[in-house]
Amino acid sequence: MAKLTDDFVEEQVAGKKDQFFFDDATEGFALRVTPRGTKLFIAQARYNGAQRRVSLGAYPDVKAAPARKLARTAVEDIRHGRDPDLENVARARAVEAGGTTIESLAERWMTEIVTPKRKPRTAEDYQRIIDQKITPKLGHLLVGRIAREDVIRWHGDMSKTPRRANYCLATLQALLHFAEDVGLRPPHSNPCRRIEMYRERARERFLSEPEIGKAAAAIAKAEAEGVIGPHAAAGLRLALFTGARSGEITAAKWSHFDRTRKVIRLPDSKTNEPRTIHLSDAALEVLAGVPHVEPFIVAGAKKGEPFKNLGRSWIVARAYGGLENVRLHDLRHSYASLAASRGVSLQMIGKLLGHKVAATTQRYAHLARDVVADINDQLGAAMTAAIEKPAPRANVVKMKRRRARG
């Protein structure tokens, strides 16, 4: 037994086998000197009758005083059945989390997870929420200190836009799950869990046929007055004539266009599968009129980039048709409703829209039922008319009676 100090450690020399020198002040703390002269601080204790020993670091990288502090913690961990190595890592990460802000965590999340593993459109949405909603209000808070009350207050400040507030909350929850995954917060400590979402009103809107005409006229007028460019106008017309998602339209390249088969074949889509957009004659006419700029059909302002925000162009254009309550995505719904009104089956509508599962198309089931009801009414009326119509009178021809021969 000896008092383990730096001077004591310096004096020890290697022997033919491992030598152990236990500290006389701290139970379980010892110095191990190997035959090669390596000097290691260790801690050892018993748990369930078994001896457990862990290394605390080599001298002179680790000095005697800090090694003694580590030994006290390690001995306590062993006696309580905890893994000292894992506990040391957790403590180091807790210290790291104490100096990590939400803003710096978000930068790491975007770099390590979102940008390389999510679709570009999703990454853009996350980055926009981080820049506009998370960083300004929560960015300064420490990852290990952000509490449920902070999140509830932040979510409440966005009550006027409930749908957006819920999406922002889901994004923050994903960000703090990442903090748990990398050890910057304890498991199951996400303060976003079980926070009640706002109720969202149904937002589906189906344009009538006259309104579809207004939409087309509004796009034309906005383009004629120069408030939207030819590529934006073409993108909006393709949304109207194909029912494609805005992200699919802006991702489409000229190399995806098959004029012979009248389709655009996208190698990837929202459903993580290839997507075929079928083109009517009206859609082909749009493609024939749009300025050809490689590589994207709906080209952006910068060379080689797609159009950035088709939704904003629609907000500008829709005002010319008095359609302020119509979203760009409603053009997709209207395409489907028009198909349903023409008696197209739900299965075929799903194929036209690129739905991965049939359940997604069920939102249009009531429209299909309306068509069936109309047809049924027409058949019923025809049947009633047939029953009520009097049967034609038969022409009776009298036959002469033949006289019997005497």
Protein backbone atom coordinates (compact mmCIF):
# COMPACT_ATOMS: atom_id res chain seq x y z
CA MET A 1 0.00 0.00 0.00
CA ALA A 2 1.27 3.46 -0.86
CA LYS A 3 0.09 6.94 -1.55
CA LEU A 4 -0.07 7.10 -5.34
CA THR A 5 1.47 10.37 -6.44
CA ASP A 6 3.22 11.42 -9.64
CA ASP A 7 6.59 11.22 -7.83
CA PHE A 8 5.82 7.69 -6.62
CA VAL A 9 4.84 6.60 -10.12
CA GLU A 10 8.04 8.07 -11.59
CA GLU A 11 10.18 6.02 -9.20
CA GLN A 12 8.73 2.65 -10.16
CA VAL A 13 10.72 0.41 -12.51
CA ALA A 14 9.68 -2.59 -14.58
CA GLY A 15 10.02 -6.10 -13.21
CA LYS A 16 9.77 -9.58 -14.70
CA LYS A 17 5.99 -9.60 -14.30
CA ASP A 18 3.14 -7.18 -13.72
CA GLN A 19 3.39 -5.21 -10.49
CA PHE A 20 0.40 -3.68 -8.69
CA PHE A 21 0.60 -0.81 -6.21
CA PHE A 22 -2.68 0.00 -4.43
CA ASP A 23 -3.44 3.45 -3.13
CA ASP A 24 -3.78 3.61 0.65
CA ALA A 25 -6.36 6.45 0.51
CA THR A 26 -8.75 5.40 -2.26
CA GLU A 27 -10.15 1.88 -2.20
CA GLY A 28 -9.79 0.02 -5.51
CA PHE A 29 -7.37 2.54 -7.02
CA ALA A 30 -4.02 1.10 -8.15
CA LEU A 31 -1.00 1.48 -10.39
CA ARG A 32 -0.02 -1.37 -12.70
CA VAL A 33 3.54 -1.53 -14.04
CA THR A 34 4.07 -3.99 -16.90
CA PRO A 35 7.34 -5.81 -17.72
CA ARG A 36 7.80 -3.38 -20.62
CA GLY A 37 7.65 -0.44 -18.26
CA THR A 38 4.16 0.80 -19.15
CA LYS A 39 2.49 2.44 -16.17
CA LEU A 40 -1.30 2.19 -16.06
CA PHE A 41 -3.77 3.50 -13.52
CA ILE A 42 -6.58 1.02 -12.84
CA ALA A 43 -9.69 0.64 -10.68
CA GLN A 44 -11.08 -2.65 -9.44
CA ALA A 45 -14.04 -3.80 -7.35
CA ARG A 46 -16.41 -6.74 -6.95
CA TYR A 47 -19.95 -7.16 -8.26
CA ASN A 48 -21.97 -10.32 -7.52
CA GLY A 49 -18.80 -11.96 -6.20
CA ALA A 50 -16.80 -11.41 -9.41
CA GLN A 51 -13.75 -9.15 -9.62
CA ARG A 52 -13.94 -6.44 -12.29
CA ARG A 53 -10.97 -4.31 -13.35
CA VAL A 54 -10.93 -1.30 -15.72
CA SER A 55 -8.13 0.86 -17.08
CA LEU A 56 -8.17 4.57 -16.30
CA GLY A 57 -5.30 5.65 -18.57
CA ALA A 58 -1.54 5.49 -18.91
CA TYR A 59 0.96 7.69 -17.12
CA PRO A 60 2.10 10.40 -17.97
CA ASP A 61 -0.91 11.10 -20.22
CA VAL A 62 -3.05 10.74 -17.13
CA LYS A 63 -1.71 12.07 -13.86
CA ALA A 64 -2.31 10.58 -10.41
CA ALA A 65 -4.79 13.17 -9.08
CA PRO A 66 -7.34 13.01 -11.93
CA ALA A 67 -6.88 9.21 -12.11
CA ARG A 68 -7.87 8.99 -8.44
CA LYS A 69 -11.15 10.87 -9.17
CA LEU A 70 -11.88 8.56 -12.07
CA ALA A 71 -11.18 5.55 -9.86
CA ARG A 72 -13.76 6.60 -7.25
CA THR A 73 -16.45 6.89 -9.93
CA ALA A 74 -15.44 3.62 -11.64
CA VAL A 75 -15.49 1.64 -8.37
CA GLU A 76 -18.97 3.02 -7.62
CA ASP A 77 -20.17 2.03 -11.11
CA ILE A 78 -18.85 -1.53 -10.74
CA ARG A 79 -20.49 -2.02 -7.35
CA HIS A 80 -23.86 -0.89 -8.77
CA GLY A 81 -23.61 -3.21 -11.76
CA ARG A 82 -22.89 -0.47 -14.31
CA ASP A 83 -20.28 -0.70 -17.06
CA PRO A 84 -17.59 1.86 -16.16
CA ASP A 85 -16.42 2.19 -19.75
CA LEU A 86 -19.91 2.99 -21.01
CA GLU A 87 -20.54 5.29 -18.08
CA ASN A 88 -17.35 7.22 -18.84
CA VAL A 89 -18.48 7.69 -22.44
CA ALA A 90 -21.91 8.84 -21.26
CA ARG A 91 -20.37 11.34 -18.85
CA ALA A 92 -18.09 12.71 -21.57
CA ARG A 93 -21.04 13.13 -23.89
CA ALA A 94 -23.06 14.80 -21.17
CA VAL A 95 -20.28 17.33 -20.79
CA GLU A 96 -20.26 17.77 -24.58
CA ALA A 97 -24.04 18.23 -24.60
CA GLY A 98 -23.71 20.85 -21.93
CA GLY A 99 -21.90 23.05 -24.44
CA THR A 100 -23.86 22.06 -27.56
CA THR A 101 -26.64 24.40 -28.64
CA ILE A 102 -29.72 23.50 -30.66
CA GLU A 103 -28.31 25.57 -33.52
CA SER A 104 -25.04 23.61 -33.69
CA LEU A 105 -26.91 20.30 -33.28
CA ALA A 106 -29.14 21.23 -36.23
CA GLU A 107 -26.07 21.90 -38.40
CA ARG A 108 -24.67 18.49 -37.50
CA TRP A 109 -28.02 16.77 -38.13
CA MET A 110 -28.35 18.35 -41.56
CA THR A 111 -24.77 17.39 -42.46
CA GLU A 112 -24.74 13.82 -41.15
CA ILE A 113 -28.33 12.65 -41.61
CA VAL A 114 -30.70 14.83 -43.62
CA THR A 115 -28.61 15.95 -46.61
CA PRO A 116 -27.07 12.54 -47.44
CA LYS A 117 -30.09 10.39 -46.54
CA ARG A 118 -33.22 12.38 -47.40
CA LYS A 119 -34.63 13.59 -50.70
CA PRO A 120 -33.48 17.09 -51.72
CA ARG A 121 -36.99 18.52 -51.35
CA THR A 122 -37.27 17.13 -47.81
CA ALA A 123 -33.84 18.50 -46.92
CA GLU A 124 -34.87 21.93 -48.20
CA ASP A 125 -38.04 21.85 -46.09
CA TYR A 126 -36.11 20.88 -42.95
CA GLN A 127 -33.50 23.57 -43.55
CA ARG A 128 -36.22 26.18 -44.06
CA ILE A 129 -37.91 25.23 -40.78
CA ILE A 130 -34.59 25.30 -38.94
CA ASP A 131 -33.69 28.73 -40.34
CA GLN A 132 -37.11 30.32 -39.94
CA LYS A 133 -38.65 28.65 -36.89
CA ILE A 134 -36.20 26.66 -34.77
CA THR A 135 -32.96 28.65 -34.71
CA PRO A 136 -34.49 32.12 -34.06
CA LYS A 137 -36.42 30.91 -30.98
CA LEU A 138 -34.56 27.85 -29.68
CA GLY A 139 -31.13 27.95 -31.31
CA HIS A 140 -29.41 29.45 -28.25
CA LEU A 141 -30.66 26.75 -25.84
CA LEU A 142 -28.35 23.93 -24.79
CA VAL A 143 -29.30 20.49 -26.11
CA GLY A 144 -29.16 18.95 -22.65
CA ARG A 145 -31.22 21.72 -21.08
CA ILE A 146 -34.14 22.25 -23.48
CA ALA A 147 -37.29 21.32 -21.58
CA ARG A 148 -40.86 20.38 -22.38
CA GLU A 149 -42.04 23.84 -21.29
CA ASP A 150 -39.75 25.46 -23.88
CA VAL A 151 -41.23 23.31 -26.64
CA ILE A 152 -44.86 23.88 -25.56
CA ARG A 153 -44.34 27.65 -25.53
CA TRP A 154 -42.63 27.58 -28.93
CA HIS A 155 -45.36 25.40 -30.46
CA GLY A 156 -48.03 27.68 -28.96
CA ASP A 157 -46.54 30.75 -30.62
CA MET A 158 -47.41 29.21 -34.01
CA SER A 159 -51.08 28.53 -33.19
CA LYS A 160 -52.33 30.74 -36.04
CA THR A 161 -50.82 28.29 -38.56
CA PRO A 162 -51.69 24.93 -36.97
CA ARG A 163 -50.61 22.75 -39.87
CA ARG A 164 -47.22 24.42 -40.10
CA ALA A 165 -46.85 24.36 -36.31
CA ASN A 166 -47.38 20.61 -36.24
CA TYR A 167 -44.85 20.08 -39.03
CA CYS A 168 -42.30 22.21 -37.16
CA LEU A 169 -42.89 20.19 -33.98
CA ALA A 170 -42.34 16.94 -35.88
CA THR A 171 -39.08 18.34 -37.27
CA LEU A 172 -37.83 19.39 -33.83
CA GLN A 173 -38.75 15.96 -32.47
CA ALA A 174 -36.67 14.29 -35.20
CA LEU A 175 -33.77 16.63 -34.42
CA LEU A 176 -33.84 15.77 -30.70
CA HIS A 177 -34.14 12.05 -31.48
CA PHE A 178 -30.83 12.50 -33.27
CA ALA A 179 -29.46 14.07 -30.07
CA GLU A 180 -30.43 10.89 -28.21
CA ASP A 181 -28.90 8.69 -30.91
CA VAL A 182 -25.51 10.42 -30.61
CA GLY A 183 -25.60 10.46 -26.81
CA LEU A 184 -26.22 14.18 -26.29
CA ARG A 185 -29.45 13.45 -24.42
CA PRO A 186 -30.48 10.41 -22.35
CA PRO A 187 -32.67 7.81 -24.10
CA HIS A 188 -36.42 8.51 -24.06
CA SER A 189 -35.89 12.10 -22.88
CA ASN A 190 -37.23 13.87 -25.98
CA PRO A 191 -39.23 16.87 -24.69
CA CYS A 192 -41.44 16.82 -27.83
CA ARG A 193 -42.98 13.47 -26.94
CA ARG A 194 -46.71 13.45 -26.19
CA ILE A 195 -47.16 17.16 -26.90
CA GLU A 196 -50.65 17.47 -28.34
CA MET A 197 -50.85 18.52 -31.96
CA TYR A 198 -53.26 21.16 -33.22
CA ARG A 199 -56.38 20.00 -34.98
CA GLU A 200 -56.04 20.48 -38.72
CA ARG A 201 -58.97 21.25 -40.96
CA ALA A 202 -59.40 19.16 -44.08
CA ARG A 203 -57.78 21.08 -46.92
CA GLU A 204 -58.90 19.17 -49.97
CA ARG A 205 -60.46 21.37 -52.62
CA PHE A 206 -61.88 20.16 -55.92
CA LEU A 207 -62.26 22.69 -58.70
CA SER A 208 -65.41 22.62 -60.77
CA GLU A 209 -65.02 22.54 -64.54
CA PRO A 210 -65.70 26.32 -64.81
CA GLU A 211 -63.04 26.91 -62.11
CA ILE A 212 -60.55 24.77 -64.04
CA GLY A 213 -61.14 27.11 -66.95
CA LYS A 214 -60.54 30.10 -64.66
CA ALA A 215 -57.27 28.55 -63.48
CA ALA A 216 -56.03 28.10 -67.04
CA ALA A 217 -57.04 31.68 -67.92
CA ALA A 218 -55.32 33.02 -64.80
CA ILE A 219 -52.03 31.30 -65.70
CA ALA A 220 -52.22 32.72 -69.22
CA LYS A 221 -52.92 36.25 -67.98
CA ALA A 222 -50.15 36.15 -65.38
CA GLU A 223 -47.70 35.02 -68.05
CA ALA A 224 -48.92 37.66 -70.53
CA GLU A 225 -48.39 40.43 -67.98
CA GLY A 226 -44.91 39.13 -67.15
CA VAL A 227 -45.50 38.42 -63.45
CA ILE A 228 -44.55 34.78 -64.03
CA GLY A 229 -42.12 33.49 -66.65
CA PRO A 230 -42.72 30.94 -69.40
CA HIS A 231 -41.19 28.07 -67.43
CA ALA A 232 -43.32 28.81 -64.38
CA ALA A 233 -46.41 29.00 -66.59
CA ALA A 234 -45.50 25.71 -68.26
CA GLY A 235 -45.03 24.06 -64.87
CA LEU A 236 -48.45 25.23 -63.68
CA ARG A 237 -50.11 24.04 -66.89
CA LEU A 238 -48.47 20.61 -66.50
CA ALA A 239 -49.83 20.45 -62.95
CA LEU A 240 -53.28 21.20 -64.35
CA PHE A 241 -53.11 18.76 -67.29
CA THR A 242 -51.31 15.81 -65.67
CA GLY A 243 -52.17 15.85 -61.94
CA ALA A 244 -48.45 15.42 -61.18
CA ARG A 245 -46.95 16.64 -57.92
CA SER A 246 -45.11 19.96 -58.12
CA GLY A 247 -41.87 18.24 -57.08
CA GLU A 248 -42.25 15.74 -59.91
CA ILE A 249 -42.80 18.51 -62.43
CA THR A 250 -39.73 20.49 -61.37
CA ALA A 251 -37.61 17.30 -61.25
CA ALA A 252 -38.52 16.28 -64.81
CA LYS A 253 -35.70 16.53 -67.35
CA TRP A 254 -35.88 16.59 -71.12
CA SER A 255 -34.07 13.23 -71.08
CA HIS A 256 -37.07 11.78 -69.19
CA PHE A 257 -39.49 12.83 -71.95
CA ASP A 258 -40.60 10.12 -74.37
CA ARG A 259 -42.49 11.86 -77.15
CA THR A 260 -43.39 8.64 -78.96
CA ARG A 261 -45.06 7.04 -75.95
CA LYS A 262 -46.39 10.40 -74.67
CA VAL A 263 -44.92 10.01 -71.18
CA ILE A 264 -42.36 11.48 -68.79
CA ARG A 265 -40.51 8.69 -66.97
CA LEU A 266 -39.01 9.86 -63.68
CA PRO A 267 -36.35 7.53 -62.19
CA ASP A 268 -37.40 8.52 -58.65
CA SER A 269 -40.44 10.02 -56.92
CA LYS A 270 -42.01 10.73 -53.54
CA THR A 271 -42.78 7.03 -53.15
CA ASN A 272 -39.09 6.11 -53.73
CA GLU A 273 -40.06 4.38 -56.96
CA PRO A 274 -39.94 5.30 -60.66
CA ARG A 275 -42.92 7.36 -61.77
CA THR A 276 -44.57 7.61 -65.18
CA ILE A 277 -46.45 10.82 -65.96
CA HIS A 278 -48.87 10.32 -68.85
CA LEU A 279 -49.21 13.23 -71.24
CA SER A 280 -52.40 14.25 -73.00
CA ASP A 281 -52.37 16.23 -76.23
CA ALA A 282 -52.85 19.38 -74.15
CA ALA A 283 -49.78 18.52 -72.05
CA LEU A 284 -47.74 17.79 -75.20
CA GLU A 285 -48.73 21.21 -76.50
CA VAL A 286 -47.37 22.75 -73.29
CA LEU A 287 -44.04 20.97 -73.78
CA ALA A 288 -43.90 22.09 -77.39
CA GLY A 289 -44.27 25.71 -76.34
CA VAL A 290 -41.89 25.90 -73.37
CA PRO A 291 -38.38 27.27 -74.08
CA HIS A 292 -36.00 24.30 -74.28
CA VAL A 293 -33.28 24.80 -71.66
CA GLU A 294 -31.28 21.74 -70.63
CA PRO A 295 -31.43 19.73 -68.51
CA PHE A 296 -34.77 20.51 -66.76
CA ILE A 297 -38.08 20.98 -68.55
CA VAL A 298 -39.17 23.61 -66.03
CA ALA A 299 -35.84 25.41 -65.80
CA GLY A 300 -34.78 27.65 -62.94
CA ALA A 301 -33.18 31.08 -62.95
CA LYS A 302 -29.67 29.62 -62.66
CA LYS A 303 -28.25 27.56 -65.49
CA GLY A 304 -28.52 23.83 -64.90
CA GLU A 305 -30.93 24.13 -61.96
CA PRO A 306 -34.65 23.29 -61.78
CA PHE A 307 -37.36 25.82 -60.99
CA LYS A 308 -37.27 26.43 -57.25
CA ASN A 309 -40.77 27.35 -56.08
CA LEU A 310 -43.70 26.52 -58.33
CA GLY A 311 -46.07 27.05 -55.40
CA ARG A 312 -45.15 30.72 -55.15
CA SER A 313 -45.77 31.18 -58.87
CA TRP A 314 -49.22 29.69 -58.40
CA ILE A 315 -49.97 32.12 -55.55
CA VAL A 316 -49.22 34.97 -57.95
CA ALA A 317 -51.18 33.47 -60.85
CA ARG A 318 -54.28 32.36 -58.95
CA ALA A 319 -55.13 35.94 -58.00
CA TYR A 320 -55.90 36.62 -61.67
CA GLY A 321 -58.70 34.06 -61.55
CA GLY A 322 -60.16 34.85 -58.13
CA LEU A 323 -58.94 31.51 -56.78
CA GLU A 324 -57.16 32.74 -53.63
CA ASN A 325 -58.32 29.77 -51.55
CA VAL A 326 -56.97 27.21 -54.04
CA ARG A 327 -53.58 25.61 -53.37
CA LEU A 328 -51.30 24.29 -56.09
CA HIS A 329 -51.88 20.75 -54.77
CA ASP A 330 -55.62 21.25 -55.31
CA LEU A 331 -54.96 21.13 -59.07
CA ARG A 332 -53.89 17.53 -58.52
CA HIS A 333 -57.09 16.79 -56.60
CA SER A 334 -59.11 18.45 -59.36
CA TYR A 335 -57.46 16.30 -62.02
CA ALA A 336 -58.50 13.22 -60.05
CA SER A 337 -62.03 14.49 -59.45
CA LEU A 338 -62.44 15.18 -63.17
CA ALA A 339 -61.32 11.63 -63.93
CA ALA A 340 -63.78 10.23 -61.37
CA SER A 341 -66.60 12.30 -62.83
CA ARG A 342 -65.89 10.66 -66.19
CA GLY A 343 -66.31 7.21 -64.68
CA VAL A 344 -62.60 6.35 -64.42
CA SER A 345 -62.02 3.63 -61.80
CA LEU A 346 -60.20 4.36 -58.56
CA GLN A 347 -57.50 1.87 -59.54
CA MET A 348 -56.83 3.76 -62.76
CA ILE A 349 -56.88 7.13 -60.97
CA GLY A 350 -54.26 5.77 -58.56
CA LYS A 351 -52.05 4.78 -61.49
CA LEU A 352 -52.45 8.19 -63.15
CA LEU A 353 -51.50 9.97 -59.91
CA GLY A 354 -48.62 7.62 -59.05
CA HIS A 355 -50.06 6.40 -55.74
CA LYS A 356 -48.07 3.58 -54.16
CA VAL A 357 -50.94 2.17 -52.10
CA ALA A 358 -54.59 1.93 -53.03
CA ALA A 359 -55.71 3.47 -49.74
CA THR A 360 -54.32 6.83 -50.82
CA THR A 361 -56.78 6.94 -53.70
CA GLN A 362 -59.76 6.26 -51.44
CA ARG A 363 -60.17 9.99 -50.78
CA TYR A 364 -61.77 10.13 -54.24
CA ALA A 365 -64.16 7.25 -53.55
CA HIS A 366 -67.11 9.56 -52.85
CA LEU A 367 -66.64 11.13 -56.30
CA ALA A 368 -66.74 7.70 -57.93
CA ARG A 369 -69.87 6.86 -55.94
CA ASP A 370 -71.51 10.05 -57.24
CA VAL A 371 -70.88 8.87 -60.81
CA VAL A 372 -72.31 5.44 -60.03
CA ALA A 373 -75.34 7.09 -58.45
CA ASP A 374 -75.88 9.27 -61.53
CA ILE A 375 -75.63 6.26 -63.84
CA ASN A 376 -78.01 4.33 -61.60
CA ASP A 377 -80.49 7.21 -61.72
CA GLN A 378 -80.26 7.31 -65.50
CA LEU A 379 -80.84 3.56 -65.74
CA GLY A 380 -83.73 3.79 -63.30
CA ALA A 381 -85.35 6.54 -65.34
CA ALA A 382 -84.93 4.52 -68.53
CA MET A 383 -86.43 1.45 -66.84
CA THR A 384 -89.41 3.46 -65.55
CA ALA A 385 -90.02 4.93 -68.97
CA ALA A 386 -89.96 1.47 -70.49
CA ILE A 387 -92.50 0.18 -67.98
CA GLU A 388 -94.88 3.13 -68.29
CA LYS A 389 -94.87 3.14 -72.10
CA PRO A 390 -98.04 1.36 -73.34
CA ALA A 391 -97.48 -1.80 -75.34
CA PRO A 392 -98.29 -1.46 -79.10
CA ARG A 393 -101.67 -2.89 -80.17
CA ALA A 394 -101.46 -6.05 -82.23
CA ASN A 395 -102.98 -6.08 -85.78
CA VAL A 396 -105.67 -8.79 -85.92
CA VAL A 397 -106.49 -10.24 -89.37
CA LYS A 398 -109.83 -12.04 -89.63
CA MET A 399 -109.71 -15.28 -91.54
CA LYS A 400 -112.59 -16.35 -93.80
CA ARG A 401 -114.37 -19.45 -92.65
CA ARG A 402 -114.26 -22.21 -95.21
CA ARG A 403 -117.63 -23.79 -96.08
CA ALA A 404 -117.99 -27.44 -95.47
CA ARG A 405 -118.62 -29.53 -98.59
CA GLY A 406 -121.99 -31.28 -98.88
